[in-house]
C-alpha atoms as a PDB file:
ATOM      1  CA  MET A   1      -8.348  13.177   9.111  1.00  0.00           C
ATOM      2  CA  SER A   2     -11.994  12.159   9.748  1.00  0.00           C
ATOM      3  CA  THR A   3     -13.331  13.731  12.665  1.00  0.00           C
ATOM      4  CA  ARG A   4     -15.788  10.843  13.400  1.00  0.00           C
ATOM      5  CA  PRO A   5     -15.101   9.232  16.801  1.00  0.00           C
ATOM      6  CA  ASP A   6     -16.329   6.009  15.795  1.00  0.00           C
ATOM      7  CA  VAL A   7     -13.700   5.704  13.078  1.00  0.00           C
ATOM      8  CA  SER A   8     -10.909   7.052  15.572  1.00  0.00           C
ATOM      9  CA  GLU A   9     -11.494   4.445  17.759  1.00  0.00           C
ATOM     10  CA  SER A  10     -11.611   1.468  15.467  1.00  0.00           C
ATOM     11  CA  ALA A  11      -9.261  -1.240  16.233  1.00  0.00           C
ATOM     12  CA  PHE A  12      -7.076  -0.642  13.285  1.00  0.00           C
ATOM     13  CA  LEU A  13      -6.430   2.986  14.078  1.00  0.00           C
ATOM     14  CA  LYS A  14      -5.828   1.978  17.766  1.00  0.00           C
ATOM     15  CA  ALA A  15      -3.165  -0.729  16.684  1.00  0.00           C
ATOM     16  CA  ALA A  16      -1.668   1.742  14.275  1.00  0.00           C
ATOM     17  CA  ARG A  17      -1.326   4.193  16.957  1.00  0.00           C
ATOM     18  CA  GLY A  18       0.260   1.385  19.481  1.00  0.00           C
ATOM     19  CA  GLU A  19      -2.959   1.794  21.514  1.00  0.00           C
ATOM     20  CA  PRO A  20      -4.748  -1.489  23.270  1.00  0.00           C
ATOM     21  CA  VAL A  21      -7.263  -3.077  21.001  1.00  0.00           C
ATOM     22  CA  PRO A  22     -10.454  -4.922  21.266  1.00  0.00           C
ATOM     23  CA  HIS A  23      -9.116  -7.462  19.070  1.00  0.00           C
ATOM     24  CA  THR A  24      -6.412  -7.914  16.166  1.00  0.00           C
ATOM     25  CA  PRO A  25      -7.318  -5.925  13.227  1.00  0.00           C
ATOM     26  CA  VAL A  26      -6.966  -7.364   9.806  1.00  0.00           C
ATOM     27  CA  TRP A  27      -7.174  -6.178   6.403  1.00  0.00           C
ATOM     28  CA  TYR A  28      -5.939  -7.409   3.035  1.00  0.00           C
ATOM     29  CA  MET A  29      -3.631  -5.786   0.290  1.00  0.00           C
ATOM     30  CA  ARG A  30      -5.091  -6.229  -3.022  1.00  0.00           C
ATOM     31  CA  GLN A  31      -8.134  -7.288  -1.235  1.00  0.00           C
ATOM     32  CA  ALA A  32     -10.839  -7.540  -3.766  1.00  0.00           C
ATOM     33  CA  GLY A  33      -8.059  -8.534  -6.408  1.00  0.00           C
ATOM     34  CA  ARG A  34      -9.139 -10.818  -8.905  1.00  0.00           C
ATOM     35  CA  SER A  35     -10.377 -13.212  -6.468  1.00  0.00           C
ATOM     36  CA  LEU A  36     -14.041 -12.100  -5.908  1.00  0.00           C
ATOM     37  CA  PRO A  37     -16.672 -13.002  -8.393  1.00  0.00           C
ATOM     38  CA  GLU A  38     -18.412  -9.650  -7.801  1.00  0.00           C
ATOM     39  CA  TYR A  39     -15.132  -7.904  -8.660  1.00  0.00           C
ATOM     40  CA  LEU A  40     -14.950  -9.932 -12.244  1.00  0.00           C
ATOM     41  CA  ARG A  41     -18.379  -8.797 -12.818  1.00  0.00           C
ATOM     42  CA  VAL A  42     -18.206  -5.179 -12.253  1.00  0.00           C
ATOM     43  CA  ARG A  43     -14.674  -5.132 -14.130  1.00  0.00           C
ATOM     44  CA  GLU A  44     -15.799  -7.072 -17.141  1.00  0.00           C
ATOM     45  CA  GLY A  45     -14.941  -5.006 -20.151  1.00  0.00           C
ATOM     46  CA  VAL A  46     -13.592  -2.383 -18.251  1.00  0.00           C
ATOM     47  CA  ALA A  47      -9.773  -1.441 -18.198  1.00  0.00           C
ATOM     48  CA  MET A  48      -7.820  -1.058 -15.116  1.00  0.00           C
ATOM     49  CA  LEU A  49      -7.056   2.737 -15.519  1.00  0.00           C
ATOM     50  CA  ASP A  50     -10.711   3.257 -16.728  1.00  0.00           C
ATOM     51  CA  ALA A  51     -12.117   1.629 -13.636  1.00  0.00           C
ATOM     52  CA  CYS A  52      -9.891   3.706 -11.297  1.00  0.00           C
ATOM     53  CA  VAL A  53     -11.179   7.257 -12.633  1.00  0.00           C
ATOM     54  CA  ASP A  54     -14.759   5.980 -12.306  1.00  0.00           C
ATOM     55  CA  PRO A  55     -15.648   7.285  -8.631  1.00  0.00           C
ATOM     56  CA  ASP A  56     -19.046   4.773  -8.546  1.00  0.00           C
ATOM     57  CA  LEU A  57     -16.828   1.807  -9.754  1.00  0.00           C
ATOM     58  CA  VAL A  58     -14.040   2.523  -7.073  1.00  0.00           C
ATOM     59  CA  VAL A  59     -16.564   2.850  -4.300  1.00  0.00           C
ATOM     60  CA  GLU A  60     -18.304  -0.282  -5.453  1.00  0.00           C
ATOM     61  CA  ILE A  61     -14.980  -2.137  -5.564  1.00  0.00           C
ATOM     62  CA  THR A  62     -13.442  -0.796  -2.391  1.00  0.00           C
ATOM     63  CA  MET A  63     -16.352  -2.086  -0.564  1.00  0.00           C
ATOM     64  CA  GLN A  64     -16.618  -5.580  -1.893  1.00  0.00           C
ATOM     65  CA  PRO A  65     -14.070  -6.981   0.527  1.00  0.00           C
ATOM     66  CA  VAL A  66     -15.545  -4.905   3.400  1.00  0.00           C
ATOM     67  CA  ARG A  67     -18.997  -6.524   2.682  1.00  0.00           C
ATOM     68  CA  ARG A  68     -17.739  -9.916   2.000  1.00  0.00           C
ATOM     69  CA  TYR A  69     -15.185 -10.263   4.743  1.00  0.00           C
ATOM     70  CA  GLY A  70     -16.032  -7.644   7.486  1.00  0.00           C
ATOM     71  CA  VAL A  71     -12.297  -6.485   7.364  1.00  0.00           C
ATOM     72  CA  ASP A  72     -11.199  -3.557   9.846  1.00  0.00           C
ATOM     73  CA  ALA A  73     -10.092  -1.197   7.060  1.00  0.00           C
ATOM     74  CA  ALA A  74     -10.532  -0.759   3.381  1.00  0.00           C
ATOM     75  CA  ILE A  75      -8.158   0.263   1.008  1.00  0.00           C
ATOM     76  CA  LEU A  76      -9.241   2.751  -1.901  1.00  0.00           C
ATOM     77  CA  PHE A  77      -9.174   0.611  -5.169  1.00  0.00           C
ATOM     78  CA  SER A  78      -6.585   2.505  -7.421  1.00  0.00           C
ATOM     79  CA  ASP A  79      -2.967   1.800  -8.778  1.00  0.00           C
ATOM     80  CA  ILE A  80       0.276   3.114  -8.059  1.00  0.00           C
ATOM     81  CA  VAL A  81       0.720   4.619 -11.648  1.00  0.00           C
ATOM     82  CA  LEU A  82      -2.545   6.436 -11.464  1.00  0.00           C
ATOM     83  CA  PRO A  83      -0.975   9.784 -10.377  1.00  0.00           C
ATOM     84  CA  LEU A  84       1.215   9.852 -13.516  1.00  0.00           C
ATOM     85  CA  LYS A  85      -1.337   9.088 -15.560  1.00  0.00           C
ATOM     86  CA  ALA A  86      -3.512  11.714 -14.209  1.00  0.00           C
ATOM     87  CA  VAL A  87      -0.624  14.300 -14.714  1.00  0.00           C
ATOM     88  CA  GLY A  88      -0.349  13.429 -18.386  1.00  0.00           C
ATOM     89  CA  VAL A  89       2.422  10.466 -18.622  1.00  0.00           C
ATOM     90  CA  ASP A  90       1.650   8.454 -21.699  1.00  0.00           C
ATOM     91  CA  LEU A  91       1.271   4.853 -19.974  1.00  0.00           C
ATOM     92  CA  ASP A  92      -1.266   2.030 -19.755  1.00  0.00           C
ATOM     93  CA  ILE A  93      -1.574  -1.278 -17.826  1.00  0.00           C
ATOM     94  CA  THR A  94      -1.317  -4.078 -20.273  1.00  0.00           C
ATOM     95  CA  PRO A  95      -3.264  -7.261 -18.884  1.00  0.00           C
ATOM     96  CA  GLY A  96      -0.658  -9.905 -17.907  1.00  0.00           C
ATOM     97  CA  VAL A  97       1.964  -7.463 -18.071  1.00  0.00           C
ATOM     98  CA  GLY A  98       1.681  -4.166 -15.985  1.00  0.00           C
ATOM     99  CA  PRO A  99       2.202  -0.721 -16.356  1.00  0.00           C
ATOM    100  CA  VAL A 100       3.956   0.088 -19.866  1.00  0.00           C
ATOM    101  CA  VAL A 101       5.358   3.617 -20.178  1.00  0.00           C
ATOM    102  CA  ALA A 102       5.288   4.736 -23.864  1.00  0.00           C
ATOM    103  CA  HIS A 103       8.396   7.147 -23.494  1.00  0.00           C
ATOM    104  CA  PRO A 104      10.662   5.911 -20.560  1.00  0.00           C
ATOM    105  CA  VAL A 105      12.337   8.580 -18.978  1.00  0.00           C
ATOM    106  CA  ARG A 106      15.935   9.362 -19.710  1.00  0.00           C
ATOM    107  CA  THR A 107      16.914  12.795 -19.318  1.00  0.00           C
ATOM    108  CA  LEU A 108      16.667  15.756 -17.174  1.00  0.00           C
ATOM    109  CA  ALA A 109      14.314  17.147 -19.739  1.00  0.00           C
ATOM    110  CA  ASP A 110      12.075  14.005 -19.582  1.00  0.00           C
ATOM    111  CA  VAL A 111      11.669  14.630 -15.572  1.00  0.00           C
ATOM    112  CA  GLU A 112      11.050  18.336 -16.131  1.00  0.00           C
ATOM    113  CA  ALA A 113       8.443  17.444 -18.612  1.00  0.00           C
ATOM    114  CA  ILE A 114       6.542  15.632 -16.105  1.00  0.00           C
ATOM    115  CA  PRO A 115       3.876  18.185 -14.445  1.00  0.00           C
ATOM    116  CA  GLU A 116       3.399  18.259 -10.651  1.00  0.00           C
ATOM    117  CA  LEU A 117       0.151  16.944  -9.379  1.00  0.00           C
ATOM    118  CA  THR A 118      -2.583  19.186  -8.156  1.00  0.00           C
ATOM    119  CA  PRO A 119      -5.961  18.352  -6.763  1.00  0.00           C
ATOM    120  CA  GLU A 120      -7.612  19.344 -10.127  1.00  0.00           C
ATOM    121  CA  HIS A 121      -5.889  16.555 -11.770  1.00  0.00           C
ATOM    122  CA  VAL A 122      -7.777  13.951  -9.714  1.00  0.00           C
ATOM    123  CA  PRO A 123     -11.351  15.070  -8.761  1.00  0.00           C
ATOM    124  CA  PHE A 124     -12.584  11.524  -9.271  1.00  0.00           C
ATOM    125  CA  ILE A 125     -10.309  10.394  -6.114  1.00  0.00           C
ATOM    126  CA  THR A 126     -11.887  13.189  -3.941  1.00  0.00           C
ATOM    127  CA  GLU A 127     -15.229  12.090  -5.040  1.00  0.00           C
ATOM    128  CA  ALA A 128     -14.678   8.410  -4.345  1.00  0.00           C
ATOM    129  CA  VAL A 129     -13.122   8.726  -1.097  1.00  0.00           C
ATOM    130  CA  ARG A 130     -15.904  11.170   0.046  1.00  0.00           C
ATOM    131  CA  GLY A 131     -18.400   8.482  -1.169  1.00  0.00           C
ATOM    132  CA  LEU A 132     -16.544   5.551   0.482  1.00  0.00           C
ATOM    133  CA  VAL A 133     -16.312   7.745   3.822  1.00  0.00           C
ATOM    134  CA  GLY A 134     -20.268   7.867   3.729  1.00  0.00           C
ATOM    135  CA  GLU A 135     -20.707   4.365   3.010  1.00  0.00           C
ATOM    136  CA  LEU A 136     -17.843   2.876   5.440  1.00  0.00           C
ATOM    137  CA  GLY A 137     -19.329   4.276   8.681  1.00  0.00           C
ATOM    138  CA  GLY A 138     -17.011   3.170  11.489  1.00  0.00           C
ATOM    139  CA  THR A 139     -14.585   1.304   8.960  1.00  0.00           C
ATOM    140  CA  PRO A 140     -11.576   3.343   8.297  1.00  0.00           C
ATOM    141  CA  LEU A 141     -10.228   4.179   4.777  1.00  0.00           C
ATOM    142  CA  ILE A 142      -6.781   3.647   3.891  1.00  0.00           C
ATOM    143  CA  GLY A 143      -5.289   5.764   0.900  1.00  0.00           C
ATOM    144  CA  PHE A 144      -2.178   4.631  -0.944  1.00  0.00           C
ATOM    145  CA  ALA A 145       0.738   5.796  -3.099  1.00  0.00           C
ATOM    146  CA  GLY A 146       3.363   4.021  -4.823  1.00  0.00           C
ATOM    147  CA  ALA A 147       6.724   4.912  -3.101  1.00  0.00           C
ATOM    148  CA  PRO A 148       9.400   6.854  -5.539  1.00  0.00           C
ATOM    149  CA  PHE A 149      11.740   3.839  -6.281  1.00  0.00           C
ATOM    150  CA  THR A 150       9.100   1.671  -7.460  1.00  0.00           C
ATOM    151  CA  VAL A 151       7.195   4.266  -9.394  1.00  0.00           C
ATOM    152  CA  ALA A 152      10.719   5.699 -10.698  1.00  0.00           C
ATOM    153  CA  SER A 153      11.587   2.127 -12.004  1.00  0.00           C
ATOM    154  CA  TYR A 154       8.199   1.846 -13.893  1.00  0.00           C
ATOM    155  CA  LEU A 155       9.151   5.200 -15.589  1.00  0.00           C
ATOM    156  CA  VAL A 156      12.619   4.418 -16.223  1.00  0.00           C
ATOM    157  CA  GLU A 157      12.409   0.859 -17.372  1.00  0.00           C
ATOM    158  CA  GLY A 158       9.399   1.375 -19.283  1.00  0.00           C
ATOM    159  CA  GLY A 159       7.464  -1.547 -17.527  1.00  0.00           C
ATOM    160  CA  PRO A 160       8.004  -4.051 -14.970  1.00  0.00           C
ATOM    161  CA  SER A 161      11.464  -5.246 -14.502  1.00  0.00           C
ATOM    162  CA  LYS A 162      13.178  -8.120 -12.758  1.00  0.00           C
ATOM    163  CA  GLU A 163      16.757  -6.643 -12.535  1.00  0.00           C
ATOM    164  CA  HIS A 164      16.017  -2.924 -12.560  1.00  0.00           C
ATOM    165  CA  ALA A 165      19.062  -2.465 -14.366  1.00  0.00           C
ATOM    166  CA  ARG A 166      18.109   0.924 -16.282  1.00  0.00           C
ATOM    167  CA  THR A 167      16.658   2.133 -13.128  1.00  0.00           C
ATOM    168  CA  LYS A 168      20.085   1.441 -11.249  1.00  0.00           C
ATOM    169  CA  ALA A 169      22.319   2.568 -14.190  1.00  0.00           C
ATOM    170  CA  MET A 170      20.540   5.774 -13.962  1.00  0.00           C
ATOM    171  CA  MET A 171      20.913   5.912 -10.101  1.00  0.00           C
ATOM    172  CA  PHE A 172      24.505   5.282 -10.249  1.00  0.00           C
ATOM    173  CA  GLY A 173      25.616   6.821 -13.485  1.00  0.00           C
ATOM    174  CA  ALA A 174      23.320   9.779 -13.965  1.00  0.00           C
ATOM    175  CA  PRO A 175      22.775  11.020 -10.278  1.00  0.00           C
ATOM    176  CA  GLU A 176      21.662  14.290 -11.212  1.00  0.00           C
ATOM    177  CA  VAL A 177      18.644  12.962 -13.339  1.00  0.00           C
ATOM    178  CA  TRP A 178      17.927  10.236 -10.531  1.00  0.00           C
ATOM    179  CA  GLU A 179      17.666  12.797  -7.815  1.00  0.00           C
ATOM    180  CA  ALA A 180      15.267  15.117 -10.092  1.00  0.00           C
ATOM    181  CA  LEU A 181      13.278  12.141 -10.804  1.00  0.00           C
ATOM    182  CA  MET A 182      12.853  11.043  -7.524  1.00  0.00           C
ATOM    183  CA  ALA A 183      12.057  14.459  -6.014  1.00  0.00           C
ATOM    184  CA  LYS A 184       9.351  14.892  -8.727  1.00  0.00           C
ATOM    185  CA  ILE A 185       7.439  11.632  -7.778  1.00  0.00           C
ATOM    186  CA  ALA A 186       7.867  12.026  -4.310  1.00  0.00           C
ATOM    187  CA  ARG A 187       6.233  15.470  -4.614  1.00  0.00           C
ATOM    188  CA  ILE A 188       3.458  13.722  -6.782  1.00  0.00           C
ATOM    189  CA  ALA A 189       2.860  10.960  -4.410  1.00  0.00           C
ATOM    190  CA  ALA A 190       2.783  13.294  -1.443  1.00  0.00           C
ATOM    191  CA  ALA A 191       0.209  15.597  -3.127  1.00  0.00           C
ATOM    192  CA  TYR A 192      -1.551  12.528  -4.116  1.00  0.00           C
ATOM    193  CA  LEU A 193      -2.061  11.109  -0.387  1.00  0.00           C
ATOM    194  CA  GLU A 194      -2.729  14.872   1.090  1.00  0.00           C
ATOM    195  CA  VAL A 195      -5.814  14.686  -1.630  1.00  0.00           C
ATOM    196  CA  GLN A 196      -6.960  11.351  -0.328  1.00  0.00           C
ATOM    197  CA  VAL A 197      -6.502  12.322   3.468  1.00  0.00           C
ATOM    198  CA  ALA A 198      -8.113  15.763   2.757  1.00  0.00           C
ATOM    199  CA  ALA A 199     -11.249  14.052   1.481  1.00  0.00           C
ATOM    200  CA  GLY A 200     -11.527  11.476   4.347  1.00  0.00           C
ATOM    201  CA  ALA A 201      -8.916   8.877   4.568  1.00  0.00           C
ATOM    202  CA  SER A 202      -7.945   7.952   8.077  1.00  0.00           C
ATOM    203  CA  ALA A 203      -4.497   6.101   7.320  1.00  0.00           C
ATOM    204  CA  VAL A 204      -2.077   5.852   4.358  1.00  0.00           C
ATOM    205  CA  GLN A 205       0.175   3.155   2.946  1.00  0.00           C
ATOM    206  CA  LEU A 206       3.128   3.802   0.903  1.00  0.00           C
ATOM    207  CA  PHE A 207       3.973   0.550  -1.231  1.00  0.00           C
ATOM    208  CA  ASP A 208       7.634   0.290  -2.266  1.00  0.00           C
ATOM    209  CA  SER A 209       7.009  -2.845  -4.388  1.00  0.00           C
ATOM    210  CA  TRP A 210      10.652  -3.068  -5.836  1.00  0.00           C
ATOM    211  CA  ALA A 211      12.917  -1.621  -2.838  1.00  0.00           C
ATOM    212  CA  GLY A 212      14.063  -5.232  -2.176  1.00  0.00           C
ATOM    213  CA  ALA A 213      16.350  -4.929  -5.372  1.00  0.00           C
ATOM    214  CA  LEU A 214      18.393  -2.530  -3.220  1.00  0.00           C
ATOM    215  CA  THR A 215      21.144  -2.755  -0.886  1.00  0.00           C
ATOM    216  CA  PRO A 216      20.888  -0.910   2.554  1.00  0.00           C
ATOM    217  CA  ALA A 217      23.654   1.582   1.644  1.00  0.00           C
ATOM    218  CA  ASP A 218      21.803   2.389  -1.778  1.00  0.00           C
ATOM    219  CA  TYR A 219      18.593   2.647  -0.106  1.00  0.00           C
ATOM    220  CA  ARG A 220      19.952   5.077   2.725  1.00  0.00           C
ATOM    221  CA  ALA A 221      21.588   7.309   0.349  1.00  0.00           C
ATOM    222  CA  GLN A 222      19.597   7.597  -2.847  1.00  0.00           C
ATOM    223  CA  VAL A 223      16.053   6.345  -1.913  1.00  0.00           C
ATOM    224  CA  GLY A 224      15.019   6.691   1.519  1.00  0.00           C
ATOM    225  CA  PRO A 225      15.342  10.290   1.849  1.00  0.00           C
ATOM    226  CA  HIS A 226      12.565  10.585  -1.129  1.00  0.00           C
ATOM    227  CA  SER A 227      10.154   8.310   0.802  1.00  0.00           C
ATOM    228  CA  ALA A 228      10.913  10.250   3.968  1.00  0.00           C
ATOM    229  CA  TYR A 229       9.733  13.520   2.266  1.00  0.00           C
ATOM    230  CA  VAL A 230       6.478  11.693   1.233  1.00  0.00           C
ATOM    231  CA  LEU A 231       5.870  10.338   4.701  1.00  0.00           C
ATOM    232  CA  GLU A 232       6.650  13.647   6.643  1.00  0.00           C
ATOM    233  CA  ARG A 233       4.305  15.603   4.494  1.00  0.00           C
ATOM    234  CA  VAL A 234       1.559  13.387   4.864  1.00  0.00           C
ATOM    235  CA  GLY A 235       2.708  12.866   8.688  1.00  0.00           C
ATOM    236  CA  ALA A 236       1.735  16.666   8.925  1.00  0.00           C
ATOM    237  CA  LEU A 237      -1.880  15.600   8.648  1.00  0.00           C
ATOM    238  CA  GLY A 238      -2.051  13.423  11.577  1.00  0.00           C
ATOM    239  CA  VAL A 239      -2.931  10.175  10.161  1.00  0.00           C
ATOM    240  CA  PRO A 240      -0.996   7.007  10.731  1.00  0.00           C
ATOM    241  CA  ARG A 241       1.313   5.870   7.624  1.00  0.00           C
ATOM    242  CA  ILE A 242       2.200   2.375   7.043  1.00  0.00           C
ATOM    243  CA  HIS A 243       5.328   1.661   4.987  1.00  0.00           C
ATOM    244  CA  PHE A 244       5.485  -1.695   3.122  1.00  0.00           C
ATOM    245  CA  GLY A 245       7.987  -3.227   0.770  1.00  0.00           C
ATOM    246  CA  VAL A 246       8.438  -6.468  -0.833  1.00  0.00           C
ATOM    247  CA  GLY A 247      11.507  -8.465  -0.214  1.00  0.00           C
ATOM    248  CA  THR A 248      12.716  -5.828   2.144  1.00  0.00           C
ATOM    249  CA  SER A 249      13.888  -7.806   5.237  1.00  0.00           C
ATOM    250  CA  ASN A 250      17.283  -6.144   5.265  1.00  0.00           C
ATOM    251  CA  LEU A 251      15.501  -2.714   4.904  1.00  0.00           C
ATOM    252  CA  LEU A 252      13.041  -2.960   7.713  1.00  0.00           C
ATOM    253  CA  THR A 253      14.879  -0.779  10.078  1.00  0.00           C
ATOM    254  CA  LEU A 254      15.523   1.856   7.419  1.00  0.00           C
ATOM    255  CA  MET A 255      11.857   1.998   6.256  1.00  0.00           C
ATOM    256  CA  GLY A 256      10.636   2.422   9.725  1.00  0.00           C
ATOM    257  CA  GLU A 257      13.354   5.465  10.168  1.00  0.00           C
ATOM    258  CA  ALA A 258      11.724   7.041   6.902  1.00  0.00           C
ATOM    259  CA  GLY A 259       8.907   7.753   8.980  1.00  0.00           C
ATOM    260  CA  ALA A 260       6.427   5.034   9.326  1.00  0.00           C
ATOM    261  CA  ASP A 261       4.000   4.635  12.198  1.00  0.00           C
ATOM    262  CA  VAL A 262       3.770   0.892  11.096  1.00  0.00           C
ATOM    263  CA  VAL A 263       6.205  -1.171   9.352  1.00  0.00           C
ATOM    264  CA  GLY A 264       4.782  -3.950   6.726  1.00  0.00           C
ATOM    265  CA  VAL A 265       6.757  -7.078   6.911  1.00  0.00           C
ATOM    266  CA  ASP A 266       6.538  -9.640   3.943  1.00  0.00           C
ATOM    267  CA  TRP A 267       6.063 -13.228   4.418  1.00  0.00           C
ATOM    268  CA  ARG A 268       9.800 -14.059   4.030  1.00  0.00           C
ATOM    269  CA  MET A 269      10.773 -13.066   7.484  1.00  0.00           C
ATOM    270  CA  PRO A 270       9.250 -14.071  10.693  1.00  0.00           C
ATOM    271  CA  LEU A 271       7.272 -11.423  12.357  1.00  0.00           C
ATOM    272  CA  GLY A 272       9.167 -12.036  15.648  1.00  0.00           C
ATOM    273  CA  SER A 273      12.531 -11.291  13.913  1.00  0.00           C
ATOM    274  CA  ALA A 274      11.344  -8.405  12.246  1.00  0.00           C
ATOM    275  CA  ILE A 275       9.796  -6.628  15.308  1.00  0.00           C
ATOM    276  CA  PRO A 276      13.364  -5.883  17.146  1.00  0.00           C
ATOM    277  CA  LEU A 277      14.576  -4.288  13.711  1.00  0.00           C
ATOM    278  CA  VAL A 278      11.693  -1.522  13.455  1.00  0.00           C
ATOM    279  CA  GLY A 279      12.014   0.259  16.428  1.00  0.00           C
ATOM    280  CA  ASP A 280       8.916   1.431  18.695  1.00  0.00           C
ATOM    281  CA  ARG A 281       6.692   0.815  15.869  1.00  0.00           C
ATOM    282  CA  ALA A 282       3.632  -0.946  15.005  1.00  0.00           C
ATOM    283  CA  VAL A 283       4.059  -3.778  12.642  1.00  0.00           C
ATOM    284  CA  GLN A 284       1.681  -5.052   9.726  1.00  0.00           C
ATOM    285  CA  GLY A 285       1.452  -8.817   8.482  1.00  0.00           C
ATOM    286  CA  ASN A 286       2.642 -11.368   7.505  1.00  0.00           C
ATOM    287  CA  LEU A 287       0.905 -14.673   6.817  1.00  0.00           C
ATOM    288  CA  ASP A 288       2.241 -16.293   3.538  1.00  0.00           C
ATOM    289  CA  PRO A 289      -0.554 -15.648   0.968  1.00  0.00           C
ATOM    290  CA  THR A 290      -0.286 -19.288  -0.185  1.00  0.00           C
ATOM    291  CA  LEU A 291      -1.210 -20.433   3.245  1.00  0.00           C
ATOM    292  CA  VAL A 292      -4.866 -19.262   2.235  1.00  0.00           C
ATOM    293  CA  PHE A 293      -4.776 -22.620   0.055  1.00  0.00           C
ATOM    294  CA  ALA A 294      -3.761 -24.897   2.752  1.00  0.00           C
ATOM    295  CA  PRO A 295      -6.165 -26.708   5.068  1.00  0.00           C
ATOM    296  CA  THR A 296      -8.244 -24.356   7.262  1.00  0.00           C
ATOM    297  CA  GLU A 297      -6.753 -25.899  10.343  1.00  0.00           C
ATOM    298  CA  LEU A 298      -3.008 -25.370   8.959  1.00  0.00           C
ATOM    299  CA  MET A 299      -4.005 -21.823   7.822  1.00  0.00           C
ATOM    300  CA  THR A 300      -5.493 -21.002  11.341  1.00  0.00           C
ATOM    301  CA  ALA A 301      -2.486 -22.412  13.160  1.00  0.00           C
ATOM    302  CA  ARG A 302      -0.063 -20.219  11.107  1.00  0.00           C
ATOM    303  CA  ALA A 303      -2.137 -17.224  11.721  1.00  0.00           C
ATOM    304  CA  ALA A 304      -1.868 -17.831  15.453  1.00  0.00           C
ATOM    305  CA  GLU A 305       1.589 -17.936  15.386  1.00  0.00           C
ATOM    306  CA  VAL A 306       1.725 -14.574  13.755  1.00  0.00           C
ATOM    307  CA  ILE A 307      -0.674 -13.032  16.010  1.00  0.00           C
ATOM    308  CA  GLU A 308       1.443 -14.303  19.040  1.00  0.00           C
ATOM    309  CA  ALA A 309       4.573 -12.787  17.565  1.00  0.00           C
ATOM    310  CA  GLY A 310       2.924  -9.781  16.892  1.00  0.00           C
ATOM    311  CA  ARG A 311       2.241  -9.333  20.796  1.00  0.00           C
ATOM    312  CA  ALA A 312       5.838  -8.291  21.122  1.00  0.00           C
ATOM    313  CA  ALA A 313       5.374  -5.197  18.992  1.00  0.00           C
ATOM    314  CA  ARG A 314       4.051  -1.762  19.848  1.00  0.00           C
ATOM    315  CA  GLY A 315       1.066  -2.686  17.807  1.00  0.00           C
ATOM    316  CA  HIS A 316       0.057  -5.222  15.183  1.00  0.00           C
ATOM    317  CA  ILE A 317      -2.388  -5.239  12.184  1.00  0.00           C
ATOM    318  CA  PHE A 318      -2.905  -8.534  10.714  1.00  0.00           C
ATOM    319  CA  ASN A 319      -2.198  -9.136   6.966  1.00  0.00           C
ATOM    320  CA  LEU A 320      -0.762 -11.297   4.486  1.00  0.00           C
ATOM    321  CA  GLY A 321       2.641 -10.780   3.617  1.00  0.00           C
ATOM    322  CA  HIS A 322       1.532  -9.421   0.065  1.00  0.00           C
ATOM    323  CA  GLY A 323      -1.407  -9.262  -1.933  1.00  0.00           C
ATOM    324  CA  VAL A 324      -4.565 -11.846  -2.209  1.00  0.00           C
ATOM    325  CA  ILE A 325      -3.400 -14.136  -4.830  1.00  0.00           C
ATOM    326  CA  PRO A 326      -6.213 -13.888  -7.815  1.00  0.00           C
ATOM    327  CA  SER A 327      -7.084 -17.710  -7.352  1.00  0.00           C
ATOM    328  CA  THR A 328      -7.856 -17.310  -3.586  1.00  0.00           C
ATOM    329  CA  ASP A 329     -11.055 -18.817  -2.150  1.00  0.00           C
ATOM    330  CA  PRO A 330     -13.161 -16.001  -0.950  1.00  0.00           C
ATOM    331  CA  ASP A 331     -14.714 -18.333   1.764  1.00  0.00           C
ATOM    332  CA  GLN A 332     -11.215 -19.494   3.175  1.00  0.00           C
ATOM    333  CA  LEU A 333     -10.314 -15.609   3.259  1.00  0.00           C
ATOM    334  CA  LYS A 334     -13.794 -14.995   5.203  1.00  0.00           C
ATOM    335  CA  ARG A 335     -12.685 -17.943   7.621  1.00  0.00           C
ATOM    336  CA  LEU A 336      -9.245 -16.445   8.124  1.00  0.00           C
ATOM    337  CA  THR A 337     -10.876 -12.834   8.836  1.00  0.00           C
ATOM    338  CA  GLU A 338     -13.150 -14.520  11.549  1.00  0.00           C
ATOM    339  CA  PHE A 339     -10.253 -16.322  13.103  1.00  0.00           C
ATOM    340  CA  VAL A 340      -8.011 -13.305  13.643  1.00  0.00           C
ATOM    341  CA  GLN A 341     -10.647 -11.153  14.526  1.00  0.00           C
ATOM    342  CA  SER A 342     -11.930 -13.788  17.428  1.00  0.00           C
ATOM    343  CA  TYR A 343      -8.546 -14.592  18.479  1.00  0.00           C
ATOM    344  CA  PRO A 344      -7.972 -13.759  22.215  1.00  0.00           C
ATOM    345  CA  VAL A 345      -5.929 -10.192  22.555  1.00  0.00           C
ATOM    346  CA  ALA A 346      -4.435 -11.328  25.890  1.00  0.00           C
END
């Protein structure tokens, strides 16, 4: 963890630790996304995964929303499948589709063929994070990784899936393969986060984009322990851990118990309803991303409701309930940021 006192005293890290804050901190998932014209310019003609392994480009793209919006934290520009690509899994990100795996995982041999991740696999991450820490000054950098279930789903399905039928078929029908795969991905994710923290990331977020497809019983038995392993290893480094899933209103208690310091809440559940479920933890969220398209007065009124609800939690980090939508007006997001940061804390 960075030893710079200016970072450790930031509103974002204070909120994550449940300490009093000078203002409600705010950042956005997929914060540069495809909504910033400066992002579109630097990405023109550059494939997603190529951009993720270019340290200069990673620094530039990560910094863009910090410059544009003045958010309270930056998140490393990367992709959840990058660690797999780095260790040699044959995959690519197809525009308009998402990650596509050439040879989906079906057997124990397929799992064993995936190498463990070491820092030597991702030197570009170390370089990018160090560069960012130098540029960000007092703004903390959030490192991130995909949670084991979500990454496993890509590997088993061969790409994005709405039903996750092959994934669940393995989970229920080939439990020894499933356990081996989840354990392997968990070790890769933990190692990847450790690299980011060692290079200077001040917090981490574990994204479980597809965990909402699970029942609480299945999550508890066959998924949660692997996410808990990742969060426990990173927790040993002393940085706050955010655990976020999409459509996971029925899993919030379990996701908190997996080891989160902060539980991310998507927009489907009122923040006030989510807070009693997460235990004595901070929360992150959760304005509906489409409200940025509403009239400013309505957007800020709804944001105020989120901030007021967040007062009941141990700490509150304002965010959208999911990523920034590509067609979002950056000026409107700037207005939202300024509104949240200027809203009275008491």
